[in-house]
Amino acid sequence: MDHAAIATTFLRMCAGGEVRAAFDRYVAADFVHHNAWFPGDRQSLLDAMEQSAASEPNTSFEPRQVIDGGDRVAVLSHLRRADGVTEYAVVHIVRFGAGRIVELWDLGQEIPRDSPNTLGMF
């Protein structure tokens, strides 16, 4: 499986509630995460993703664009919260080492309902 496929499969599994299986299969033991709201270690992100999946099991996650840059992959996705109202454009940047995810950056922006941009976020 190539890096782009691993990144999207990992993100889909996590959004679908298969967080531990996704981490076991794709994430390196020395993984680091760059997000101001969480500690940067593997276990902290795994725990947060499991809690999110348990509290909002009907979250919808749809990758829209994938940019494969070799050991780095960027995934632009459409995330819909379980409330069915709140939507986000999310970018995950994933770095690979030895075929596993070793580093992750994630950025999100809420999609406004009344945006003047008719092209939308995607």
PDB file of N, CA and C in Angstrom:
ATOM      1  N   MET A   1       0.859  -1.169   0.000  1.00  0.00           N
ATOM      2  CA  MET A   1       0.000   0.000   0.000  1.00  0.00           C
ATOM      3  C   MET A   1       0.910   1.239   0.000  1.00  0.00           C
ATOM      4  N   ASP A   2       0.607   2.207  -0.860  1.00  0.00           N
ATOM      5  CA  ASP A   2       1.426   3.423  -0.918  1.00  0.00           C
ATOM      6  C   ASP A   2       1.062   4.383   0.220  1.00  0.00           C
ATOM      7  N   HIS A   3       1.885   5.395   0.417  1.00  0.00           N
ATOM      8  CA  HIS A   3       1.693   6.323   1.533  1.00  0.00           C
ATOM      9  C   HIS A   3       0.348   7.035   1.493  1.00  0.00           C
ATOM     10  N   ALA A   4      -0.096   7.452   0.316  1.00  0.00           N
ATOM     11  CA  ALA A   4      -1.391   8.142   0.203  1.00  0.00           C
ATOM     12  C   ALA A   4      -2.523   7.220   0.650  1.00  0.00           C
ATOM     13  N   ALA A   5      -2.475   5.978   0.250  1.00  0.00           N
ATOM     14  CA  ALA A   5      -3.511   5.015   0.639  1.00  0.00           C
ATOM     15  C   ALA A   5      -3.460   4.737   2.137  1.00  0.00           C
ATOM     16  N   ILE A   6      -2.265   4.635   2.689  1.00  0.00           N
ATOM     17  CA  ILE A   6      -2.139   4.413   4.134  1.00  0.00           C
ATOM     18  C   ILE A   6      -2.718   5.600   4.906  1.00  0.00           C
ATOM     19  N   ALA A   7      -2.366   6.811   4.494  1.00  0.00           N
ATOM     20  CA  ALA A   7      -2.850   8.012   5.194  1.00  0.00           C
ATOM     21  C   ALA A   7      -4.373   8.086   5.174  1.00  0.00           C
ATOM     22  N   THR A   8      -4.984   7.878   4.017  1.00  0.00           N
ATOM     23  CA  THR A   8      -6.448   7.978   3.934  1.00  0.00           C
ATOM     24  C   THR A   8      -7.127   6.823   4.663  1.00  0.00           C
ATOM     25  N   THR A   9      -6.562   5.633   4.571  1.00  0.00           N
ATOM     26  CA  THR A   9      -7.138   4.492   5.292  1.00  0.00           C
ATOM     27  C   THR A   9      -7.057   4.722   6.801  1.00  0.00           C
ATOM     28  N   PHE A  10      -5.911   5.183   7.263  1.00  0.00           N
ATOM     29  CA  PHE A  10      -5.739   5.484   8.685  1.00  0.00           C
ATOM     30  C   PHE A  10      -6.784   6.495   9.161  1.00  0.00           C
ATOM     31  N   LEU A  11      -6.933   7.590   8.432  1.00  0.00           N
ATOM     32  CA  LEU A  11      -7.880   8.638   8.835  1.00  0.00           C
ATOM     33  C   LEU A  11      -9.319   8.139   8.789  1.00  0.00           C
ATOM     34  N   ARG A  12      -9.676   7.371   7.772  1.00  0.00           N
ATOM     35  CA  ARG A  12     -11.037   6.808   7.692  1.00  0.00           C
ATOM     36  C   ARG A  12     -11.303   5.847   8.841  1.00  0.00           C
ATOM     37  N   MET A  13     -10.329   4.993   9.140  1.00  0.00           N
ATOM     38  CA  MET A  13     -10.511   4.061  10.254  1.00  0.00           C
ATOM     39  C   MET A  13     -10.718   4.801  11.567  1.00  0.00           C
ATOM     40  N   CYS A  14      -9.913   5.828  11.815  1.00  0.00           N
ATOM     41  CA  CYS A  14     -10.050   6.596  13.053  1.00  0.00           C
ATOM     42  C   CYS A  14     -11.415   7.277  13.128  1.00  0.00           C
ATOM     43  N   ALA A  15     -11.837   7.902  12.044  1.00  0.00           N
ATOM     44  CA  ALA A  15     -13.144   8.573  12.023  1.00  0.00           C
ATOM     45  C   ALA A  15     -14.277   7.578  12.188  1.00  0.00           C
ATOM     46  N   GLY A  16     -14.072   6.352  11.721  1.00  0.00           N
ATOM     47  CA  GLY A  16     -15.096   5.315  11.819  1.00  0.00           C
ATOM     48  C   GLY A  16     -15.085   4.550  13.130  1.00  0.00           C
ATOM     49  N   GLY A  17     -14.237   4.951  14.079  1.00  0.00           N
ATOM     50  CA  GLY A  17     -14.223   4.319  15.390  1.00  0.00           C
ATOM     51  C   GLY A  17     -13.217   3.190  15.547  1.00  0.00           C
ATOM     52  N   GLU A  18     -12.455   2.884  14.517  1.00  0.00           N
ATOM     53  CA  GLU A  18     -11.448   1.818  14.590  1.00  0.00           C
ATOM     54  C   GLU A  18     -10.080   2.414  14.937  1.00  0.00           C
ATOM     55  N   VAL A  19     -10.047   3.221  15.953  1.00  0.00           N
ATOM     56  CA  VAL A  19      -8.860   4.001  16.289  1.00  0.00           C
ATOM     57  C   VAL A  19      -7.691   3.099  16.682  1.00  0.00           C
ATOM     58  N   ARG A  20      -7.901   2.207  17.621  1.00  0.00           N
ATOM     59  CA  ARG A  20      -6.804   1.363  18.102  1.00  0.00           C
ATOM     60  C   ARG A  20      -6.264   0.479  16.987  1.00  0.00           C
ATOM     61  N   ALA A  21      -7.133  -0.083  16.181  1.00  0.00           N
ATOM     62  CA  ALA A  21      -6.690  -0.919  15.057  1.00  0.00           C
ATOM     63  C   ALA A  21      -5.890  -0.096  14.056  1.00  0.00           C
ATOM     64  N   ALA A  22      -6.318   1.143  13.794  1.00  0.00           N
ATOM     65  CA  ALA A  22      -5.604   2.016  12.866  1.00  0.00           C
ATOM     66  C   ALA A  22      -4.212   2.350  13.399  1.00  0.00           C
ATOM     67  N   PHE A  23      -4.123   2.656  14.686  1.00  0.00           N
ATOM     68  CA  PHE A  23      -2.824   2.957  15.279  1.00  0.00           C
ATOM     69  C   PHE A  23      -1.924   1.729  15.264  1.00  0.00           C
ATOM     70  N   ASP A  24      -2.465   0.577  15.639  1.00  0.00           N
ATOM     71  CA  ASP A  24      -1.657  -0.647  15.651  1.00  0.00           C
ATOM     72  C   ASP A  24      -1.117  -0.981  14.269  1.00  0.00           C
ATOM     73  N   ARG A  25      -1.920  -0.773  13.262  1.00  0.00           N
ATOM     74  CA  ARG A  25      -1.540  -1.142  11.902  1.00  0.00           C
ATOM     75  C   ARG A  25      -0.601  -0.138  11.243  1.00  0.00           C
ATOM     76  N   TYR A  26      -0.799   1.175  11.486  1.00  0.00           N
ATOM     77  CA  TYR A  26      -0.126   2.184  10.672  1.00  0.00           C
ATOM     78  C   TYR A  26       0.808   3.156  11.394  1.00  0.00           C
ATOM     79  N   VAL A  27       0.738   3.259  12.714  1.00  0.00           N
ATOM     80  CA  VAL A  27       1.460   4.314  13.426  1.00  0.00           C
ATOM     81  C   VAL A  27       2.685   3.755  14.158  1.00  0.00           C
ATOM     82  N   ALA A  28       3.810   4.421  13.978  1.00  0.00           N
ATOM     83  CA  ALA A  28       5.059   4.020  14.616  1.00  0.00           C
ATOM     84  C   ALA A  28       5.000   4.257  16.126  1.00  0.00           C
ATOM     85  N   ALA A  29       5.792   3.493  16.850  1.00  0.00           N
ATOM     86  CA  ALA A  29       5.841   3.619  18.310  1.00  0.00           C
ATOM     87  C   ALA A  29       6.353   4.991  18.749  1.00  0.00           C
ATOM     88  N   ASP A  30       7.252   5.592  17.963  1.00  0.00           N
ATOM     89  CA  ASP A  30       7.826   6.892  18.329  1.00  0.00           C
ATOM     90  C   ASP A  30       7.119   8.068  17.646  1.00  0.00           C
ATOM     91  N   PHE A  31       5.894   7.855  17.238  1.00  0.00           N
ATOM     92  CA  PHE A  31       5.043   8.854  16.587  1.00  0.00           C
ATOM     93  C   PHE A  31       4.955  10.142  17.407  1.00  0.00           C
ATOM     94  N   VAL A  32       4.912  11.288  16.705  1.00  0.00           N
ATOM     95  CA  VAL A  32       4.667  12.579  17.351  1.00  0.00           C
ATOM     96  C   VAL A  32       3.557  13.324  16.605  1.00  0.00           C
ATOM     97  N   HIS A  33       2.840  14.145  17.342  1.00  0.00           N
ATOM     98  CA  HIS A  33       1.666  14.851  16.838  1.00  0.00           C
ATOM     99  C   HIS A  33       1.815  16.340  17.153  1.00  0.00           C
ATOM    100  N   HIS A  34       1.573  17.183  16.159  1.00  0.00           N
ATOM    101  CA  HIS A  34       1.706  18.634  16.327  1.00  0.00           C
ATOM    102  C   HIS A  34       0.312  19.270  16.353  1.00  0.00           C
ATOM    103  N   ASN A  35      -0.228  19.454  17.525  1.00  0.00           N
ATOM    104  CA  ASN A  35      -1.525  20.080  17.690  1.00  0.00           C
ATOM    105  C   ASN A  35      -1.494  20.795  19.032  1.00  0.00           C
ATOM    106  N   ALA A  36      -1.810  22.062  19.032  1.00  0.00           N
ATOM    107  CA  ALA A  36      -1.704  22.874  20.248  1.00  0.00           C
ATOM    108  C   ALA A  36      -2.634  22.432  21.369  1.00  0.00           C
ATOM    109  N   TRP A  37      -3.657  21.631  21.065  1.00  0.00           N
ATOM    110  CA  TRP A  37      -4.657  21.257  22.060  1.00  0.00           C
ATOM    111  C   TRP A  37      -4.379  19.923  22.738  1.00  0.00           C
ATOM    112  N   PHE A  38      -3.322  19.207  22.314  1.00  0.00           N
ATOM    113  CA  PHE A  38      -3.018  17.884  22.859  1.00  0.00           C
ATOM    114  C   PHE A  38      -1.531  17.756  23.145  1.00  0.00           C
ATOM    115  N   PRO A  39      -1.156  16.914  24.099  1.00  0.00           N
ATOM    116  CA  PRO A  39       0.255  16.560  24.212  1.00  0.00           C
ATOM    117  C   PRO A  39       0.690  15.899  22.887  1.00  0.00           C
ATOM    118  N   GLY A  40       1.971  15.912  22.594  1.00  0.00           N
ATOM    119  CA  GLY A  40       2.451  15.476  21.284  1.00  0.00           C
ATOM    120  C   GLY A  40       2.777  14.007  21.133  1.00  0.00           C
ATOM    121  N   ASP A  41       2.395  13.181  22.095  1.00  0.00           N
ATOM    122  CA  ASP A  41       2.771  11.769  22.027  1.00  0.00           C
ATOM    123  C   ASP A  41       1.670  10.893  21.425  1.00  0.00           C
ATOM    124  N   ARG A  42       2.050   9.700  21.046  1.00  0.00           N
ATOM    125  CA  ARG A  42       1.173   8.717  20.392  1.00  0.00           C
ATOM    126  C   ARG A  42      -0.053   8.392  21.253  1.00  0.00           C
ATOM    127  N   GLN A  43       0.183   8.043  22.514  1.00  0.00           N
ATOM    128  CA  GLN A  43      -0.908   7.593  23.374  1.00  0.00           C
ATOM    129  C   GLN A  43      -1.946   8.686  23.613  1.00  0.00           C
ATOM    130  N   SER A  44      -1.514   9.931  23.765  1.00  0.00           N
ATOM    131  CA  SER A  44      -2.462  11.025  23.995  1.00  0.00           C
ATOM    132  C   SER A  44      -3.401  11.201  22.809  1.00  0.00           C
ATOM    133  N   LEU A  45      -2.869  11.128  21.590  1.00  0.00           N
ATOM    134  CA  LEU A  45      -3.736  11.268  20.416  1.00  0.00           C
ATOM    135  C   LEU A  45      -4.643  10.062  20.270  1.00  0.00           C
ATOM    136  N   LEU A  46      -4.122   8.859  20.489  1.00  0.00           N
ATOM    137  CA  LEU A  46      -4.953   7.655  20.418  1.00  0.00           C
ATOM    138  C   LEU A  46      -6.125   7.773  21.396  1.00  0.00           C
ATOM    139  N   ASP A  47      -5.845   8.143  22.627  1.00  0.00           N
ATOM    140  CA  ASP A  47      -6.903   8.281  23.640  1.00  0.00           C
ATOM    141  C   ASP A  47      -7.930   9.329  23.225  1.00  0.00           C
ATOM    142  N   ALA A  48      -7.478  10.487  22.737  1.00  0.00           N
ATOM    143  CA  ALA A  48      -8.397  11.555  22.328  1.00  0.00           C
ATOM    144  C   ALA A  48      -9.265  11.112  21.156  1.00  0.00           C
ATOM    145  N   MET A  49      -8.674  10.399  20.199  1.00  0.00           N
ATOM    146  CA  MET A  49      -9.449   9.936  19.044  1.00  0.00           C
ATOM    147  C   MET A  49     -10.470   8.868  19.459  1.00  0.00           C
ATOM    148  N   GLU A  50     -10.104   7.999  20.398  1.00  0.00           N
ATOM    149  CA  GLU A  50     -11.067   7.006  20.888  1.00  0.00           C
ATOM    150  C   GLU A  50     -12.220   7.689  21.616  1.00  0.00           C
ATOM    151  N   GLN A  51     -11.919   8.686  22.436  1.00  0.00           N
ATOM    152  CA  GLN A  51     -12.970   9.420  23.153  1.00  0.00           C
ATOM    153  C   GLN A  51     -13.891  10.136  22.167  1.00  0.00           C
ATOM    154  N   SER A  52     -13.315  10.735  21.129  1.00  0.00           N
ATOM    155  CA  SER A  52     -14.112  11.432  20.123  1.00  0.00           C
ATOM    156  C   SER A  52     -15.024  10.454  19.378  1.00  0.00           C
ATOM    157  N   ALA A  53     -14.488   9.317  18.991  1.00  0.00           N
ATOM    158  CA  ALA A  53     -15.286   8.317  18.272  1.00  0.00           C
ATOM    159  C   ALA A  53     -16.417   7.777  19.144  1.00  0.00           C
ATOM    160  N   ALA A  54     -16.159   7.623  20.436  1.00  0.00           N
ATOM    161  CA  ALA A  54     -17.196   7.127  21.353  1.00  0.00           C
ATOM    162  C   ALA A  54     -18.279   8.169  21.597  1.00  0.00           C
ATOM    163  N   SER A  55     -17.895   9.438  21.703  1.00  0.00           N
ATOM    164  CA  SER A  55     -18.879  10.483  21.999  1.00  0.00           C
ATOM    165  C   SER A  55     -19.655  10.932  20.760  1.00  0.00           C
ATOM    166  N   GLU A  56     -19.065  10.763  19.575  1.00  0.00           N
ATOM    167  CA  GLU A  56     -19.732  11.160  18.330  1.00  0.00           C
ATOM    168  C   GLU A  56     -19.564  10.069  17.270  1.00  0.00           C
ATOM    169  N   PRO A  57     -20.254   8.945  17.463  1.00  0.00           N
ATOM    170  CA  PRO A  57     -20.050   7.807  16.552  1.00  0.00           C
ATOM    171  C   PRO A  57     -20.561   8.023  15.129  1.00  0.00           C
ATOM    172  N   ASN A  58     -21.355   9.023  14.899  1.00  0.00           N
ATOM    173  CA  ASN A  58     -21.910   9.246  13.559  1.00  0.00           C
ATOM    174  C   ASN A  58     -21.220  10.370  12.799  1.00  0.00           C
ATOM    175  N   THR A  59     -19.980  10.664  13.158  1.00  0.00           N
ATOM    176  CA  THR A  59     -19.219  11.683  12.439  1.00  0.00           C
ATOM    177  C   THR A  59     -18.903  11.181  11.038  1.00  0.00           C
ATOM    178  N   SER A  60     -19.051  12.053  10.069  1.00  0.00           N
ATOM    179  CA  SER A  60     -18.770  11.710   8.675  1.00  0.00           C
ATOM    180  C   SER A  60     -17.432  12.312   8.270  1.00  0.00           C
ATOM    181  N   PHE A  61     -16.597  11.511   7.630  1.00  0.00           N
ATOM    182  CA  PHE A  61     -15.270  11.952   7.212  1.00  0.00           C
ATOM    183  C   PHE A  61     -15.058  11.542   5.762  1.00  0.00           C
ATOM    184  N   GLU A  62     -14.829  12.536   4.904  1.00  0.00           N
ATOM    185  CA  GLU A  62     -14.677  12.255   3.480  1.00  0.00           C
ATOM    186  C   GLU A  62     -13.442  12.956   2.910  1.00  0.00           C
ATOM    187  N   PRO A  63     -12.368  12.198   2.614  1.00  0.00           N
ATOM    188  CA  PRO A  63     -11.216  12.811   1.949  1.00  0.00           C
ATOM    189  C   PRO A  63     -11.630  13.369   0.592  1.00  0.00           C
ATOM    190  N   ARG A  64     -11.191  14.589   0.288  1.00  0.00           N
ATOM    191  CA  ARG A  64     -11.537  15.236  -0.976  1.00  0.00           C
ATOM    192  C   ARG A  64     -10.339  15.371  -1.907  1.00  0.00           C
ATOM    193  N   GLN A  65      -9.159  15.594  -1.338  1.00  0.00           N
ATOM    194  CA  GLN A  65      -7.930  15.703  -2.140  1.00  0.00           C
ATOM    195  C   GLN A  65      -6.787  15.074  -1.359  1.00  0.00           C
ATOM    196  N   VAL A  66      -5.913  14.404  -2.090  1.00  0.00           N
ATOM    197  CA  VAL A  66      -4.729  13.814  -1.473  1.00  0.00           C
ATOM    198  C   VAL A  66      -3.524  14.236  -2.303  1.00  0.00           C
ATOM    199  N   ILE A  67      -2.522  14.773  -1.625  1.00  0.00           N
ATOM    200  CA  ILE A  67      -1.289  15.180  -2.298  1.00  0.00           C
ATOM    201  C   ILE A  67      -0.175  14.292  -1.759  1.00  0.00           C
ATOM    202  N   ASP A  68       0.425  13.508  -2.649  1.00  0.00           N
ATOM    203  CA  ASP A  68       1.471  12.564  -2.264  1.00  0.00           C
ATOM    204  C   ASP A  68       2.834  13.170  -2.565  1.00  0.00           C
ATOM    205  N   GLY A  69       3.570  13.479  -1.523  1.00  0.00           N
ATOM    206  CA  GLY A  69       4.891  14.077  -1.677  1.00  0.00           C
ATOM    207  C   GLY A  69       5.997  13.147  -1.222  1.00  0.00           C
ATOM    208  N   GLY A  70       5.832  11.860  -1.474  1.00  0.00           N
ATOM    209  CA  GLY A  70       6.858  10.901  -1.059  1.00  0.00           C
ATOM    210  C   GLY A  70       6.674  10.507   0.389  1.00  0.00           C
ATOM    211  N   ASP A  71       7.585  10.968   1.274  1.00  0.00           N
ATOM    212  CA  ASP A  71       7.455  10.606   2.688  1.00  0.00           C
ATOM    213  C   ASP A  71       6.454  11.493   3.426  1.00  0.00           C
ATOM    214  N   ARG A  72       5.854  12.473   2.703  1.00  0.00           N
ATOM    215  CA  ARG A  72       4.813  13.331   3.285  1.00  0.00           C
ATOM    216  C   ARG A  72       3.578  13.311   2.403  1.00  0.00           C
ATOM    217  N   VAL A  73       2.436  13.183   3.039  1.00  0.00           N
ATOM    218  CA  VAL A  73       1.162  13.152   2.337  1.00  0.00           C
ATOM    219  C   VAL A  73       0.236  14.161   3.004  1.00  0.00           C
ATOM    220  N   ALA A  74      -0.459  14.954   2.198  1.00  0.00           N
ATOM    221  CA  ALA A  74      -1.459  15.891   2.712  1.00  0.00           C
ATOM    222  C   ALA A  74      -2.836  15.414   2.282  1.00  0.00           C
ATOM    223  N   VAL A  75      -3.761  15.390   3.217  1.00  0.00           N
ATOM    224  CA  VAL A  75      -5.129  14.953   2.946  1.00  0.00           C
ATOM    225  C   VAL A  75      -6.076  16.080   3.339  1.00  0.00           C
ATOM    226  N   LEU A  76      -6.812  16.625   2.353  1.00  0.00           N
ATOM    227  CA  LEU A  76      -7.843  17.636   2.597  1.00  0.00           C
ATOM    228  C   LEU A  76      -9.170  16.900   2.671  1.00  0.00           C
ATOM    229  N   SER A  77      -9.868  17.062   3.790  1.00  0.00           N
ATOM    230  CA  SER A  77     -11.081  16.287   4.021  1.00  0.00           C
ATOM    231  C   SER A  77     -12.242  17.152   4.473  1.00  0.00           C
ATOM    232  N   HIS A  78     -13.437  16.595   4.283  1.00  0.00           N
ATOM    233  CA  HIS A  78     -14.689  17.211   4.720  1.00  0.00           C
ATOM    234  C   HIS A  78     -15.175  16.413   5.924  1.00  0.00           C
ATOM    235  N   LEU A  79     -15.277  17.078   7.062  1.00  0.00           N
ATOM    236  CA  LEU A  79     -15.710  16.441   8.297  1.00  0.00           C
ATOM    237  C   LEU A  79     -17.054  17.020   8.701  1.00  0.00           C
ATOM    238  N   ARG A  80     -18.011  16.141   8.955  1.00  0.00           N
ATOM    239  CA  ARG A  80     -19.320  16.557   9.462  1.00  0.00           C
ATOM    240  C   ARG A  80     -19.486  15.970  10.850  1.00  0.00           C
ATOM    241  N   ARG A  81     -19.745  16.837  11.825  1.00  0.00           N
ATOM    242  CA  ARG A  81     -19.946  16.377  13.192  1.00  0.00           C
ATOM    243  C   ARG A  81     -21.223  15.569  13.279  1.00  0.00           C
ATOM    244  N   ALA A  82     -21.326  14.794  14.329  1.00  0.00           N
ATOM    245  CA  ALA A  82     -22.484  13.923  14.525  1.00  0.00           C
ATOM    246  C   ALA A  82     -23.784  14.704  14.650  1.00  0.00           C
ATOM    247  N   ASP A  83     -23.706  15.997  15.011  1.00  0.00           N
ATOM    248  CA  ASP A  83     -24.922  16.803  15.140  1.00  0.00           C
ATOM    249  C   ASP A  83     -25.574  17.084  13.782  1.00  0.00           C
ATOM    250  N   GLY A  84     -24.845  16.774  12.697  1.00  0.00           N
ATOM    251  CA  GLY A  84     -25.388  16.975  11.355  1.00  0.00           C
ATOM    252  C   GLY A  84     -25.406  18.415  10.897  1.00  0.00           C
ATOM    253  N   VAL A  85     -24.919  19.322  11.727  1.00  0.00           N
ATOM    254  CA  VAL A  85     -24.958  20.749  11.422  1.00  0.00           C
ATOM    255  C   VAL A  85     -23.555  21.313  11.209  1.00  0.00           C
ATOM    256  N   THR A  86     -22.642  20.982  12.095  1.00  0.00           N
ATOM    257  CA  THR A  86     -21.302  21.557  12.074  1.00  0.00           C
ATOM    258  C   THR A  86     -20.413  20.799  11.096  1.00  0.00           C
ATOM    259  N   GLU A  87     -19.763  21.563  10.191  1.00  0.00           N
ATOM    260  CA  GLU A  87     -18.896  20.960   9.188  1.00  0.00           C
ATOM    261  C   GLU A  87     -17.543  21.674   9.192  1.00  0.00           C
ATOM    262  N   TYR A  88     -16.502  20.914   8.861  1.00  0.00           N
ATOM    263  CA  TYR A  88     -15.137  21.447   8.843  1.00  0.00           C
ATOM    264  C   TYR A  88     -14.408  21.015   7.580  1.00  0.00           C
ATOM    265  N   ALA A  89     -13.490  21.858   7.146  1.00  0.00           N
ATOM    266  CA  ALA A  89     -12.476  21.468   6.179  1.00  0.00           C
ATOM    267  C   ALA A  89     -11.231  21.190   7.021  1.00  0.00           C
ATOM    268  N   VAL A  90     -10.656  20.001   6.862  1.00  0.00           N
ATOM    269  CA  VAL A  90      -9.528  19.578   7.680  1.00  0.00           C
ATOM    270  C   VAL A  90      -8.377  19.166   6.776  1.00  0.00           C
ATOM    271  N   VAL A  91      -7.178  19.589   7.137  1.00  0.00           N
ATOM    272  CA  VAL A  91      -5.975  19.160   6.430  1.00  0.00           C
ATOM    273  C   VAL A  91      -5.112  18.381   7.413  1.00  0.00           C
ATOM    274  N   HIS A  92      -4.771  17.157   7.029  1.00  0.00           N
ATOM    275  CA  HIS A  92      -3.814  16.349   7.783  1.00  0.00           C
ATOM    276  C   HIS A  92      -2.555  16.232   6.938  1.00  0.00           C
ATOM    277  N   ILE A  93      -1.434  16.514   7.539  1.00  0.00           N
ATOM    278  CA  ILE A  93      -0.146  16.294   6.884  1.00  0.00           C
ATOM    279  C   ILE A  93       0.527  15.161   7.645  1.00  0.00           C
ATOM    280  N   VAL A  94       0.853  14.122   6.911  1.00  0.00           N
ATOM    281  CA  VAL A  94       1.368  12.895   7.513  1.00  0.00           C
ATOM    282  C   VAL A  94       2.782  12.659   6.993  1.00  0.00           C
ATOM    283  N   ARG A  95       3.699  12.395   7.913  1.00  0.00           N
ATOM    284  CA  ARG A  95       5.069  12.042   7.504  1.00  0.00           C
ATOM    285  C   ARG A  95       5.303  10.569   7.815  1.00  0.00           C
ATOM    286  N   PHE A  96       5.950   9.893   6.872  1.00  0.00           N
ATOM    287  CA  PHE A  96       6.202   8.460   6.984  1.00  0.00           C
ATOM    288  C   PHE A  96       7.671   8.168   7.205  1.00  0.00           C
ATOM    289  N   GLY A  97       7.931   7.083   7.903  1.00  0.00           N
ATOM    290  CA  GLY A  97       9.271   6.545   8.080  1.00  0.00           C
ATOM    291  C   GLY A  97       9.154   5.038   8.141  1.00  0.00           C
ATOM    292  N   ALA A  98       9.896   4.343   7.320  1.00  0.00           N
ATOM    293  CA  ALA A  98       9.872   2.874   7.283  1.00  0.00           C
ATOM    294  C   ALA A  98       8.446   2.333   7.081  1.00  0.00           C
ATOM    295  N   GLY A  99       7.649   3.037   6.266  1.00  0.00           N
ATOM    296  CA  GLY A  99       6.312   2.564   5.931  1.00  0.00           C
ATOM    297  C   GLY A  99       5.242   2.819   6.976  1.00  0.00           C
ATOM    298  N   ARG A 100       5.586   3.516   8.050  1.00  0.00           N
ATOM    299  CA  ARG A 100       4.618   3.796   9.111  1.00  0.00           C
ATOM    300  C   ARG A 100       4.516   5.302   9.330  1.00  0.00           C
ATOM    301  N   ILE A 101       3.396   5.728   9.910  1.00  0.00           N
ATOM    302  CA  ILE A 101       3.182   7.145  10.211  1.00  0.00           C
ATOM    303  C   ILE A 101       4.033   7.498  11.426  1.00  0.00           C
ATOM    304  N   VAL A 102       4.933   8.475  11.253  1.00  0.00           N
ATOM    305  CA  VAL A 102       5.812   8.886  12.350  1.00  0.00           C
ATOM    306  C   VAL A 102       5.509  10.292  12.859  1.00  0.00           C
ATOM    307  N   GLU A 103       4.766  11.074  12.061  1.00  0.00           N
ATOM    308  CA  GLU A 103       4.488  12.454  12.455  1.00  0.00           C
ATOM    309  C   GLU A 103       3.185  12.913  11.799  1.00  0.00           C
ATOM    310  N   LEU A 104       2.421  13.738  12.528  1.00  0.00           N
ATOM    311  CA  LEU A 104       1.135  14.208  12.024  1.00  0.00           C
ATOM    312  C   LEU A 104       0.910  15.657  12.427  1.00  0.00           C
ATOM    313  N   TRP A 105       0.470  16.446  11.463  1.00  0.00           N
ATOM    314  CA  TRP A 105       0.004  17.814  11.695  1.00  0.00           C
ATOM    315  C   TRP A 105      -1.463  17.840  11.251  1.00  0.00           C
ATOM    316  N   ASP A 106      -2.311  18.565  11.962  1.00  0.00           N
ATOM    317  CA  ASP A 106      -3.708  18.688  11.543  1.00  0.00           C
ATOM    318  C   ASP A 106      -4.203  20.103  11.779  1.00  0.00           C
ATOM    319  N   LEU A 107      -4.913  20.600  10.790  1.00  0.00           N
ATOM    320  CA  LEU A 107      -5.465  21.955  10.809  1.00  0.00           C
ATOM    321  C   LEU A 107      -6.920  21.867  10.372  1.00  0.00           C
ATOM    322  N   GLY A 108      -7.780  22.630  11.023  1.00  0.00           N
ATOM    323  CA  GLY A 108      -9.181  22.598  10.649  1.00  0.00           C
ATOM    324  C   GLY A 108      -9.801  23.975  10.629  1.00  0.00           C
ATOM    325  N   GLN A 109     -10.815  24.120   9.785  1.00  0.00           N
ATOM    326  CA  GLN A 109     -11.551  25.376   9.698  1.00  0.00           C
ATOM    327  C   GLN A 109     -13.033  25.043   9.567  1.00  0.00           C
ATOM    328  N   GLU A 110     -13.833  25.642  10.432  1.00  0.00           N
ATOM    329  CA  GLU A 110     -15.273  25.438  10.320  1.00  0.00           C
ATOM    330  C   GLU A 110     -15.759  26.029   9.002  1.00  0.00           C
ATOM    331  N   ILE A 111     -16.646  25.328   8.347  1.00  0.00           N
ATOM    332  CA  ILE A 111     -17.202  25.789   7.075  1.00  0.00           C
ATOM    333  C   ILE A 111     -18.401  26.684   7.375  1.00  0.00           C
ATOM    334  N   PRO A 112     -18.322  27.965   7.025  1.00  0.00           N
ATOM    335  CA  PRO A 112     -19.441  28.871   7.305  1.00  0.00           C
ATOM    336  C   PRO A 112     -20.631  28.563   6.395  1.00  0.00           C
ATOM    337  N   ARG A 113     -21.796  28.689   6.942  1.00  0.00           N
ATOM    338  CA  ARG A 113     -23.021  28.430   6.169  1.00  0.00           C
ATOM    339  C   ARG A 113     -23.308  29.532   5.152  1.00  0.00           C
ATOM    340  N   ASP A 114     -22.850  30.741   5.433  1.00  0.00           N
ATOM    341  CA  ASP A 114     -23.194  31.877   4.583  1.00  0.00           C
ATOM    342  C   ASP A 114     -21.966  32.482   3.907  1.00  0.00           C
ATOM    343  N   SER A 115     -21.062  31.655   3.456  1.00  0.00           N
ATOM    344  CA  SER A 115     -19.839  32.139   2.825  1.00  0.00           C
ATOM    345  C   SER A 115     -20.155  32.845   1.502  1.00  0.00           C
ATOM    346  N   PRO A 116     -19.502  33.965   1.224  1.00  0.00           N
ATOM    347  CA  PRO A 116     -19.698  34.631  -0.057  1.00  0.00           C
ATOM    348  C   PRO A 116     -18.951  33.927  -1.206  1.00  0.00           C
ATOM    349  N   ASN A 117     -18.098  32.962  -0.861  1.00  0.00           N
ATOM    350  CA  ASN A 117     -17.332  32.253  -1.879  1.00  0.00           C
ATOM    351  C   ASN A 117     -18.150  31.092  -2.424  1.00  0.00           C
ATOM    352  N   THR A 118     -18.650  31.226  -3.635  1.00  0.00           N
ATOM    353  CA  THR A 118     -19.503  30.199  -4.238  1.00  0.00           C
ATOM    354  C   THR A 118     -18.738  28.941  -4.634  1.00  0.00           C
ATOM    355  N   LEU A 119     -17.398  28.995  -4.613  1.00  0.00           N
ATOM    356  CA  LEU A 119     -16.610  27.815  -4.925  1.00  0.00           C
ATOM    357  C   LEU A 119     -16.577  26.827  -3.750  1.00  0.00           C
ATOM    358  N   GLY A 120     -16.836  27.302  -2.565  1.00  0.00           N
ATOM    359  CA  GLY A 120     -16.834  26.444  -1.396  1.00  0.00           C
ATOM    360  C   GLY A 120     -15.428  26.100  -0.939  1.00  0.00           C
ATOM    361  N   MET A 121     -15.332  25.242   0.045  1.00  0.00           N
ATOM    362  CA  MET A 121     -14.046  24.875   0.634  1.00  0.00           C
ATOM    363  C   MET A 121     -13.317  23.790  -0.165  1.00  0.00           C
ATOM    364  N   PHE A 122     -14.023  23.140  -1.046  1.00  0.00           N
ATOM    365  CA  PHE A 122     -13.416  22.014  -1.767  1.00  0.00           C
ATOM    366  C   PHE A 122     -13.472  22.238  -3.257  1.00  0.00           C
TER     367      PHE A 122
END
